[in-house]
Amino acid sequence: MSIWSRTMKVTTSRTTNAALCVTRCPHHGSRLRQISCGPRRPYWTNYVDVGDSMPSSTRSIADAFRTTLDLFDAGLDLMRQNLRRSHPAASDEQIQMLLQQWLLERPGAESGDCPGRAIDLSARFA
Protein backbone atom coordinates (compact mmCIF):
# COMPACT_ATOMS: atom_id res chain seq x y z
CA MET A 1 0.00 0.00 0.00
CA SER A 2 1.45 3.35 -1.03
CA ILE A 3 1.64 6.29 1.35
CA TRP A 4 0.65 8.54 -1.58
CA SER A 5 -3.03 9.14 -2.13
CA ARG A 6 -4.58 11.08 -4.97
CA THR A 7 -6.66 13.82 -3.44
CA MET A 8 -7.17 16.16 -6.37
CA LYS A 9 -8.05 15.77 -10.01
CA VAL A 10 -5.63 16.00 -12.91
CA THR A 11 -4.85 19.50 -14.13
CA THR A 12 -3.24 20.51 -17.39
CA SER A 13 -0.81 23.36 -17.89
CA ARG A 14 -1.09 25.57 -20.97
CA THR A 15 2.59 26.49 -20.87
CA THR A 16 4.08 23.00 -20.72
CA ASN A 17 1.26 20.87 -22.19
CA ALA A 18 1.80 18.40 -19.36
CA ALA A 19 -0.83 16.72 -17.27
CA LEU A 20 -0.10 17.20 -13.59
CA CYS A 21 -1.54 15.32 -10.67
CA VAL A 22 -1.55 16.59 -7.10
CA THR A 23 -0.77 13.90 -4.57
CA ARG A 24 -0.74 14.06 -0.81
CA CYS A 25 1.90 12.43 1.34
CA PRO A 26 1.45 12.39 5.13
CA HIS A 27 5.14 13.20 5.56
CA HIS A 28 5.64 15.88 2.90
CA GLY A 29 2.20 17.40 2.25
CA SER A 30 0.85 18.10 -1.23
CA ARG A 31 3.11 17.71 -4.24
CA LEU A 32 2.70 18.11 -7.98
CA ARG A 33 3.73 15.19 -10.19
CA GLN A 34 3.82 15.12 -13.97
CA ILE A 35 1.89 12.08 -15.17
CA SER A 36 1.91 12.57 -18.94
CA CYS A 37 3.00 14.90 -21.73
CA GLY A 38 1.31 15.87 -24.95
CA PRO A 39 -1.27 18.29 -26.29
CA ARG A 40 -4.19 18.62 -23.93
CA ARG A 41 -6.98 21.07 -23.36
CA PRO A 42 -6.21 23.21 -20.28
CA TYR A 43 -8.76 23.57 -17.51
CA TRP A 44 -8.91 24.78 -13.92
CA THR A 45 -9.40 22.96 -10.64
CA ASN A 46 -10.34 24.28 -7.25
CA TYR A 47 -7.02 23.18 -5.79
CA VAL A 48 -4.25 23.86 -8.28
CA ASP A 49 -4.17 26.79 -10.69
CA VAL A 50 -1.68 25.81 -13.36
CA GLY A 51 -3.80 26.90 -16.31
CA ASP A 52 -2.47 30.45 -16.13
CA SER A 53 -0.41 32.06 -18.87
CA MET A 54 2.55 32.56 -16.50
CA PRO A 55 4.86 29.53 -16.09
CA SER A 56 4.28 27.79 -12.77
CA SER A 57 7.88 28.22 -11.60
CA THR A 58 7.72 31.98 -12.18
CA ARG A 59 4.36 32.17 -10.47
CA SER A 60 5.61 30.18 -7.47
CA ILE A 61 8.64 32.45 -7.14
CA ALA A 62 6.38 35.50 -7.30
CA ASP A 63 4.06 33.99 -4.69
CA ALA A 64 7.00 33.21 -2.40
CA PHE A 65 8.30 36.76 -2.77
CA ARG A 66 4.84 38.22 -2.02
CA THR A 67 4.63 36.00 1.05
CA THR A 68 8.08 37.19 2.17
CA LEU A 69 7.02 40.82 1.86
CA ASP A 70 3.75 40.11 3.70
CA LEU A 71 5.67 38.45 6.53
CA PHE A 72 8.04 41.42 6.71
CA ASP A 73 5.06 43.80 6.96
CA ALA A 74 3.51 41.61 9.65
CA GLY A 75 6.80 41.70 11.58
CA LEU A 76 6.87 45.48 11.36
CA ASP A 77 3.29 45.68 12.63
CA LEU A 78 4.12 43.35 15.54
CA MET A 79 7.19 45.37 16.48
CA ARG A 80 5.20 48.61 16.20
CA GLN A 81 2.64 47.18 18.65
CA ASN A 82 5.45 46.04 20.95
CA LEU A 83 6.96 49.53 20.90
CA ARG A 84 3.57 51.09 21.67
CA ARG A 85 3.27 48.82 24.71
CA SER A 86 6.80 49.67 25.83
CA HIS A 87 6.35 53.42 25.27
CA PRO A 88 2.66 54.24 25.89
CA ALA A 89 3.24 58.01 26.00
CA ALA A 90 5.15 58.15 22.70
CA SER A 91 3.63 59.85 19.67
CA ASP A 92 3.24 58.19 16.27
CA GLU A 93 6.37 59.98 15.01
CA GLN A 94 8.40 58.75 17.99
CA ILE A 95 7.16 55.18 17.48
CA GLN A 96 8.12 55.40 13.80
CA MET A 97 11.59 56.68 14.77
CA LEU A 98 12.02 53.83 17.28
CA LEU A 99 10.92 51.34 14.62
CA GLN A 100 13.49 52.71 12.16
CA GLN A 101 16.20 52.50 14.83
CA TRP A 102 15.20 48.91 15.54
CA LEU A 103 15.45 48.05 11.83
CA LEU A 104 18.94 49.57 11.61
CA GLU A 105 20.31 48.06 14.84
CA ARG A 106 18.57 44.66 14.72
CA PRO A 107 19.11 43.69 18.37
CA GLY A 108 20.07 40.05 18.58
CA ALA A 109 20.99 39.86 14.89
CA GLU A 110 23.50 42.65 14.47
CA SER A 111 25.65 40.61 12.09
CA GLY A 112 22.70 39.15 10.19
CA ASP A 113 20.39 36.20 10.55
CA CYS A 114 22.68 33.57 9.04
CA PRO A 115 25.73 31.80 10.41
CA GLY A 116 29.07 32.73 8.92
CA ARG A 117 31.69 35.41 9.14
CA ALA A 118 30.66 39.02 9.61
CA ILE A 119 31.58 41.51 6.90
CA ASP A 120 31.82 45.28 7.07
CA LEU A 121 28.91 46.50 4.93
CA SER A 122 30.00 50.13 5.02
CA ALA A 123 33.31 49.24 3.34
CA ARG A 124 31.71 46.89 0.82
CA PHE A 125 28.81 49.11 -0.30
CA ALA A 126 30.41 52.54 0.08
C-alpha atoms as a PDB file:
ATOM      1  CA  MET A   1       0.000   0.000   0.000  1.00  0.00           C
ATOM      2  CA  SER A   2       1.449   3.351  -1.031  1.00  0.00           C
ATOM      3  CA  ILE A   3       1.641   6.291   1.354  1.00  0.00           C
ATOM      4  CA  TRP A   4       0.645   8.540  -1.576  1.00  0.00           C
ATOM      5  CA  SER A   5      -3.030   9.141  -2.132  1.00  0.00           C
ATOM      6  CA  ARG A   6      -4.575  11.082  -4.971  1.00  0.00           C
ATOM      7  CA  THR A   7      -6.660  13.824  -3.436  1.00  0.00           C
ATOM      8  CA  MET A   8      -7.174  16.165  -6.371  1.00  0.00           C
ATOM      9  CA  LYS A   9      -8.046  15.767 -10.009  1.00  0.00           C
ATOM     10  CA  VAL A  10      -5.626  15.999 -12.909  1.00  0.00           C
ATOM     11  CA  THR A  11      -4.851  19.503 -14.130  1.00  0.00           C
ATOM     12  CA  THR A  12      -3.238  20.505 -17.389  1.00  0.00           C
ATOM     13  CA  SER A  13      -0.806  23.359 -17.893  1.00  0.00           C
ATOM     14  CA  ARG A  14      -1.086  25.571 -20.968  1.00  0.00           C
ATOM     15  CA  THR A  15       2.585  26.495 -20.866  1.00  0.00           C
ATOM     16  CA  THR A  16       4.081  23.005 -20.721  1.00  0.00           C
ATOM     17  CA  ASN A  17       1.258  20.869 -22.190  1.00  0.00           C
ATOM     18  CA  ALA A  18       1.805  18.403 -19.364  1.00  0.00           C
ATOM     19  CA  ALA A  19      -0.831  16.719 -17.270  1.00  0.00           C
ATOM     20  CA  LEU A  20      -0.104  17.202 -13.593  1.00  0.00           C
ATOM     21  CA  CYS A  21      -1.540  15.319 -10.670  1.00  0.00           C
ATOM     22  CA  VAL A  22      -1.550  16.586  -7.096  1.00  0.00           C
ATOM     23  CA  THR A  23      -0.773  13.900  -4.568  1.00  0.00           C
ATOM     24  CA  ARG A  24      -0.740  14.065  -0.812  1.00  0.00           C
ATOM     25  CA  CYS A  25       1.899  12.431   1.336  1.00  0.00           C
ATOM     26  CA  PRO A  26       1.447  12.385   5.131  1.00  0.00           C
ATOM     27  CA  HIS A  27       5.136  13.202   5.562  1.00  0.00           C
ATOM     28  CA  HIS A  28       5.643  15.879   2.899  1.00  0.00           C
ATOM     29  CA  GLY A  29       2.203  17.400   2.248  1.00  0.00           C
ATOM     30  CA  SER A  30       0.846  18.104  -1.233  1.00  0.00           C
ATOM     31  CA  ARG A  31       3.112  17.707  -4.241  1.00  0.00           C
ATOM     32  CA  LEU A  32       2.698  18.110  -7.980  1.00  0.00           C
ATOM     33  CA  ARG A  33       3.725  15.188 -10.190  1.00  0.00           C
ATOM     34  CA  GLN A  34       3.817  15.117 -13.968  1.00  0.00           C
ATOM     35  CA  ILE A  35       1.892  12.082 -15.167  1.00  0.00           C
ATOM     36  CA  SER A  36       1.913  12.571 -18.944  1.00  0.00           C
ATOM     37  CA  CYS A  37       3.000  14.898 -21.734  1.00  0.00           C
ATOM     38  CA  GLY A  38       1.310  15.873 -24.950  1.00  0.00           C
ATOM     39  CA  PRO A  39      -1.268  18.294 -26.288  1.00  0.00           C
ATOM     40  CA  ARG A  40      -4.194  18.616 -23.928  1.00  0.00           C
ATOM     41  CA  ARG A  41      -6.977  21.070 -23.359  1.00  0.00           C
ATOM     42  CA  PRO A  42      -6.212  23.208 -20.281  1.00  0.00           C
ATOM     43  CA  TYR A  43      -8.756  23.568 -17.512  1.00  0.00           C
ATOM     44  CA  TRP A  44      -8.912  24.781 -13.917  1.00  0.00           C
ATOM     45  CA  THR A  45      -9.398  22.959 -10.641  1.00  0.00           C
ATOM     46  CA  ASN A  46     -10.343  24.277  -7.251  1.00  0.00           C
ATOM     47  CA  TYR A  47      -7.020  23.185  -5.792  1.00  0.00           C
ATOM     48  CA  VAL A  48      -4.255  23.863  -8.281  1.00  0.00           C
ATOM     49  CA  ASP A  49      -4.175  26.788 -10.690  1.00  0.00           C
ATOM     50  CA  VAL A  50      -1.680  25.809 -13.361  1.00  0.00           C
ATOM     51  CA  GLY A  51      -3.804  26.901 -16.313  1.00  0.00           C
ATOM     52  CA  ASP A  52      -2.467  30.451 -16.133  1.00  0.00           C
ATOM     53  CA  SER A  53      -0.413  32.062 -18.875  1.00  0.00           C
ATOM     54  CA  MET A  54       2.546  32.559 -16.500  1.00  0.00           C
ATOM     55  CA  PRO A  55       4.856  29.533 -16.088  1.00  0.00           C
ATOM     56  CA  SER A  56       4.276  27.790 -12.773  1.00  0.00           C
ATOM     57  CA  SER A  57       7.879  28.217 -11.601  1.00  0.00           C
ATOM     58  CA  THR A  58       7.723  31.983 -12.183  1.00  0.00           C
ATOM     59  CA  ARG A  59       4.361  32.172 -10.469  1.00  0.00           C
ATOM     60  CA  SER A  60       5.612  30.178  -7.469  1.00  0.00           C
ATOM     61  CA  ILE A  61       8.642  32.453  -7.141  1.00  0.00           C
ATOM     62  CA  ALA A  62       6.380  35.503  -7.301  1.00  0.00           C
ATOM     63  CA  ASP A  63       4.056  33.992  -4.691  1.00  0.00           C
ATOM     64  CA  ALA A  64       6.996  33.209  -2.404  1.00  0.00           C
ATOM     65  CA  PHE A  65       8.303  36.764  -2.773  1.00  0.00           C
ATOM     66  CA  ARG A  66       4.843  38.219  -2.020  1.00  0.00           C
ATOM     67  CA  THR A  67       4.634  35.998   1.049  1.00  0.00           C
ATOM     68  CA  THR A  68       8.077  37.190   2.170  1.00  0.00           C
ATOM     69  CA  LEU A  69       7.016  40.819   1.860  1.00  0.00           C
ATOM     70  CA  ASP A  70       3.747  40.106   3.696  1.00  0.00           C
ATOM     71  CA  LEU A  71       5.671  38.446   6.530  1.00  0.00           C
ATOM     72  CA  PHE A  72       8.045  41.424   6.705  1.00  0.00           C
ATOM     73  CA  ASP A  73       5.065  43.802   6.956  1.00  0.00           C
ATOM     74  CA  ALA A  74       3.513  41.613   9.645  1.00  0.00           C
ATOM     75  CA  GLY A  75       6.803  41.695  11.583  1.00  0.00           C
ATOM     76  CA  LEU A  76       6.873  45.485  11.363  1.00  0.00           C
ATOM     77  CA  ASP A  77       3.293  45.676  12.629  1.00  0.00           C
ATOM     78  CA  LEU A  78       4.117  43.354  15.536  1.00  0.00           C
ATOM     79  CA  MET A  79       7.192  45.372  16.482  1.00  0.00           C
ATOM     80  CA  ARG A  80       5.204  48.607  16.202  1.00  0.00           C
ATOM     81  CA  GLN A  81       2.637  47.180  18.651  1.00  0.00           C
ATOM     82  CA  ASN A  82       5.450  46.040  20.945  1.00  0.00           C
ATOM     83  CA  LEU A  83       6.964  49.533  20.897  1.00  0.00           C
ATOM     84  CA  ARG A  84       3.570  51.092  21.673  1.00  0.00           C
ATOM     85  CA  ARG A  85       3.265  48.822  24.711  1.00  0.00           C
ATOM     86  CA  SER A  86       6.798  49.670  25.834  1.00  0.00           C
ATOM     87  CA  HIS A  87       6.350  53.424  25.270  1.00  0.00           C
ATOM     88  CA  PRO A  88       2.662  54.240  25.889  1.00  0.00           C
ATOM     89  CA  ALA A  89       3.240  58.013  26.004  1.00  0.00           C
ATOM     90  CA  ALA A  90       5.153  58.145  22.700  1.00  0.00           C
ATOM     91  CA  SER A  91       3.631  59.847  19.671  1.00  0.00           C
ATOM     92  CA  ASP A  92       3.240  58.190  16.269  1.00  0.00           C
ATOM     93  CA  GLU A  93       6.368  59.983  15.013  1.00  0.00           C
ATOM     94  CA  GLN A  94       8.398  58.749  17.986  1.00  0.00           C
ATOM     95  CA  ILE A  95       7.164  55.181  17.478  1.00  0.00           C
ATOM     96  CA  GLN A  96       8.116  55.397  13.795  1.00  0.00           C
ATOM     97  CA  MET A  97      11.589  56.681  14.768  1.00  0.00           C
ATOM     98  CA  LEU A  98      12.015  53.828  17.284  1.00  0.00           C
ATOM     99  CA  LEU A  99      10.918  51.340  14.619  1.00  0.00           C
ATOM    100  CA  GLN A 100      13.489  52.713  12.162  1.00  0.00           C
ATOM    101  CA  GLN A 101      16.203  52.505  14.831  1.00  0.00           C
ATOM    102  CA  TRP A 102      15.204  48.905  15.535  1.00  0.00           C
ATOM    103  CA  LEU A 103      15.449  48.050  11.827  1.00  0.00           C
ATOM    104  CA  LEU A 104      18.936  49.572  11.608  1.00  0.00           C
ATOM    105  CA  GLU A 105      20.314  48.063  14.843  1.00  0.00           C
ATOM    106  CA  ARG A 106      18.572  44.664  14.718  1.00  0.00           C
ATOM    107  CA  PRO A 107      19.107  43.694  18.367  1.00  0.00           C
ATOM    108  CA  GLY A 108      20.075  40.046  18.584  1.00  0.00           C
ATOM    109  CA  ALA A 109      20.991  39.857  14.887  1.00  0.00           C
ATOM    110  CA  GLU A 110      23.503  42.655  14.467  1.00  0.00           C
ATOM    111  CA  SER A 111      25.651  40.606  12.093  1.00  0.00           C
ATOM    112  CA  GLY A 112      22.702  39.154  10.194  1.00  0.00           C
ATOM    113  CA  ASP A 113      20.395  36.199  10.553  1.00  0.00           C
ATOM    114  CA  CYS A 114      22.676  33.573   9.043  1.00  0.00           C
ATOM    115  CA  PRO A 115      25.726  31.804  10.414  1.00  0.00           C
ATOM    116  CA  GLY A 116      29.068  32.732   8.919  1.00  0.00           C
ATOM    117  CA  ARG A 117      31.686  35.406   9.138  1.00  0.00           C
ATOM    118  CA  ALA A 118      30.656  39.018   9.608  1.00  0.00           C
ATOM    119  CA  ILE A 119      31.576  41.510   6.897  1.00  0.00           C
ATOM    120  CA  ASP A 120      31.821  45.284   7.066  1.00  0.00           C
ATOM    121  CA  LEU A 121      28.912  46.496   4.930  1.00  0.00           C
ATOM    122  CA  SER A 122      30.000  50.133   5.023  1.00  0.00           C
ATOM    123  CA  ALA A 123      33.308  49.238   3.341  1.00  0.00           C
ATOM    124  CA  ARG A 124      31.708  46.891   0.818  1.00  0.00           C
ATOM    125  CA  PHE A 125      28.813  49.107  -0.297  1.00  0.00           C
ATOM    126  CA  ALA A 126      30.408  52.541   0.080  1.00  0.00           C
END
